[in-house]
Amino acid sequence: MPHSTSKHKFAFGQQVHHKLFDYYGVIVAVDTCYKGDDQWYEMVARSRPPKEKPWYHVKKADGSQTYVAERNLEINPVTNN
């Protein structure tokens, strides 16, 4: 997917680092905006990231999967020089 027409910063398969919780993972899916339920958002998304910005399904190094707002991710500096 060309980045010039994309509204999201990261792409499927890209390795990323979570800035707040200091873990690494791989993007496995991208949502153009928040697609979770309000209850999960209220309980888990404590920093209240914007729902109208991209959110990512991230497979963590331990094999678990999580849902992360774009603003909390950065390119993994070790693998994406």
C-alpha atoms as a PDB file:
ATOM      1  CA  MET A   1       0.000   0.000   0.000  1.00  0.00           C
ATOM      2  CA  PRO A   2       1.571   3.317  -1.023  1.00  0.00           C
ATOM      3  CA  HIS A   3       2.229   5.657   1.874  1.00  0.00           C
ATOM      4  CA  SER A   4       1.295   8.723  -0.191  1.00  0.00           C
ATOM      5  CA  THR A   5      -2.389   7.731  -0.253  1.00  0.00           C
ATOM      6  CA  SER A   6      -2.380   6.156   3.178  1.00  0.00           C
ATOM      7  CA  LYS A   7      -3.789   7.862   6.243  1.00  0.00           C
ATOM      8  CA  HIS A   8      -1.894   5.596   8.626  1.00  0.00           C
ATOM      9  CA  LYS A   9       1.742   5.773   9.647  1.00  0.00           C
ATOM     10  CA  PHE A  10       2.527   2.046   9.932  1.00  0.00           C
ATOM     11  CA  ALA A  11       1.870  -0.892   7.618  1.00  0.00           C
ATOM     12  CA  PHE A  12       1.106  -4.606   7.900  1.00  0.00           C
ATOM     13  CA  GLY A  13       4.238  -6.522   8.893  1.00  0.00           C
ATOM     14  CA  GLN A  14       6.122  -3.499  10.214  1.00  0.00           C
ATOM     15  CA  GLN A  15       7.931  -3.902  13.514  1.00  0.00           C
ATOM     16  CA  VAL A  16       7.002  -1.283  16.097  1.00  0.00           C
ATOM     17  CA  HIS A  17       7.727  -0.230  19.679  1.00  0.00           C
ATOM     18  CA  HIS A  18       5.044   0.860  22.167  1.00  0.00           C
ATOM     19  CA  LYS A  19       6.238   4.178  23.615  1.00  0.00           C
ATOM     20  CA  LEU A  20       4.302   3.968  26.895  1.00  0.00           C
ATOM     21  CA  PHE A  21       4.569   0.287  27.779  1.00  0.00           C
ATOM     22  CA  ASP A  22       7.986  -0.438  26.230  1.00  0.00           C
ATOM     23  CA  TYR A  23       7.226  -3.587  24.273  1.00  0.00           C
ATOM     24  CA  TYR A  24       7.921  -4.577  20.688  1.00  0.00           C
ATOM     25  CA  GLY A  25       5.578  -6.133  18.178  1.00  0.00           C
ATOM     26  CA  VAL A  26       4.503  -6.493  14.568  1.00  0.00           C
ATOM     27  CA  ILE A  27       1.526  -4.818  12.899  1.00  0.00           C
ATOM     28  CA  VAL A  28      -0.959  -7.547  11.897  1.00  0.00           C
ATOM     29  CA  ALA A  29      -3.915  -5.310  10.952  1.00  0.00           C
ATOM     30  CA  VAL A  30      -4.783  -1.622  10.625  1.00  0.00           C
ATOM     31  CA  ASP A  31      -8.069   0.149  11.364  1.00  0.00           C
ATOM     32  CA  THR A  32      -8.474   3.680   9.990  1.00  0.00           C
ATOM     33  CA  CYS A  33     -10.233   4.603  13.252  1.00  0.00           C
ATOM     34  CA  TYR A  34     -11.043   2.956  16.593  1.00  0.00           C
ATOM     35  CA  LYS A  35     -13.215  -0.147  16.058  1.00  0.00           C
ATOM     36  CA  GLY A  36     -13.413  -1.460  19.626  1.00  0.00           C
ATOM     37  CA  ASP A  37     -16.248  -1.069  22.079  1.00  0.00           C
ATOM     38  CA  ASP A  38     -16.701   1.856  24.449  1.00  0.00           C
ATOM     39  CA  GLN A  39     -16.360  -0.285  27.574  1.00  0.00           C
ATOM     40  CA  TRP A  40     -12.896  -1.540  26.527  1.00  0.00           C
ATOM     41  CA  TYR A  41     -11.829   2.012  25.648  1.00  0.00           C
ATOM     42  CA  GLU A  42     -12.934   3.366  29.033  1.00  0.00           C
ATOM     43  CA  MET A  43     -11.197   0.555  30.946  1.00  0.00           C
ATOM     44  CA  VAL A  44      -7.982   0.103  28.959  1.00  0.00           C
ATOM     45  CA  ALA A  45      -7.210   3.245  26.938  1.00  0.00           C
ATOM     46  CA  ARG A  46      -6.327   5.361  29.951  1.00  0.00           C
ATOM     47  CA  SER A  47      -4.420   8.011  28.016  1.00  0.00           C
ATOM     48  CA  ARG A  48      -7.586   8.567  25.941  1.00  0.00           C
ATOM     49  CA  PRO A  49      -5.993   8.428  22.485  1.00  0.00           C
ATOM     50  CA  PRO A  50      -8.167   9.814  19.695  1.00  0.00           C
ATOM     51  CA  LYS A  51     -10.713   7.383  18.281  1.00  0.00           C
ATOM     52  CA  GLU A  52     -10.766   9.075  14.870  1.00  0.00           C
ATOM     53  CA  LYS A  53      -7.063   8.354  14.208  1.00  0.00           C
ATOM     54  CA  PRO A  54      -5.655   4.964  13.100  1.00  0.00           C
ATOM     55  CA  TRP A  55      -5.479   2.024  15.530  1.00  0.00           C
ATOM     56  CA  TYR A  56      -3.351  -1.094  15.066  1.00  0.00           C
ATOM     57  CA  HIS A  57      -3.629  -4.761  15.921  1.00  0.00           C
ATOM     58  CA  VAL A  58      -0.151  -5.608  17.196  1.00  0.00           C
ATOM     59  CA  LYS A  59       1.234  -9.095  17.807  1.00  0.00           C
ATOM     60  CA  LYS A  60       3.623  -8.791  20.716  1.00  0.00           C
ATOM     61  CA  ALA A  61       6.880 -10.722  21.081  1.00  0.00           C
ATOM     62  CA  ASP A  62       5.225 -13.034  23.652  1.00  0.00           C
ATOM     63  CA  GLY A  63       2.632 -14.078  21.045  1.00  0.00           C
ATOM     64  CA  SER A  64      -0.287 -12.155  22.522  1.00  0.00           C
ATOM     65  CA  GLN A  65      -2.146  -9.566  20.497  1.00  0.00           C
ATOM     66  CA  THR A  66      -3.167  -6.055  21.509  1.00  0.00           C
ATOM     67  CA  TYR A  67      -4.930  -3.012  20.053  1.00  0.00           C
ATOM     68  CA  VAL A  68      -2.942   0.233  20.035  1.00  0.00           C
ATOM     69  CA  ALA A  69      -3.542   3.833  19.016  1.00  0.00           C
ATOM     70  CA  GLU A  70      -1.136   5.199  16.433  1.00  0.00           C
ATOM     71  CA  ARG A  71       0.178   7.930  18.730  1.00  0.00           C
ATOM     72  CA  ASN A  72       1.509   5.302  21.159  1.00  0.00           C
ATOM     73  CA  LEU A  73       3.650   3.547  18.552  1.00  0.00           C
ATOM     74  CA  GLU A  74       6.973   4.296  16.916  1.00  0.00           C
ATOM     75  CA  ILE A  75       9.093   2.473  14.372  1.00  0.00           C
ATOM     76  CA  ASN A  76      11.291  -0.155  16.025  1.00  0.00           C
ATOM     77  CA  PRO A  77      14.686   1.596  15.904  1.00  0.00           C
ATOM     78  CA  VAL A  78      16.592  -1.698  15.977  1.00  0.00           C
ATOM     79  CA  THR A  79      14.985  -3.261  12.877  1.00  0.00           C
ATOM     80  CA  ASN A  80      13.870  -0.263  10.790  1.00  0.00           C
ATOM     81  CA  ASN A  81      16.958   1.885  10.349  1.00  0.00           C
END
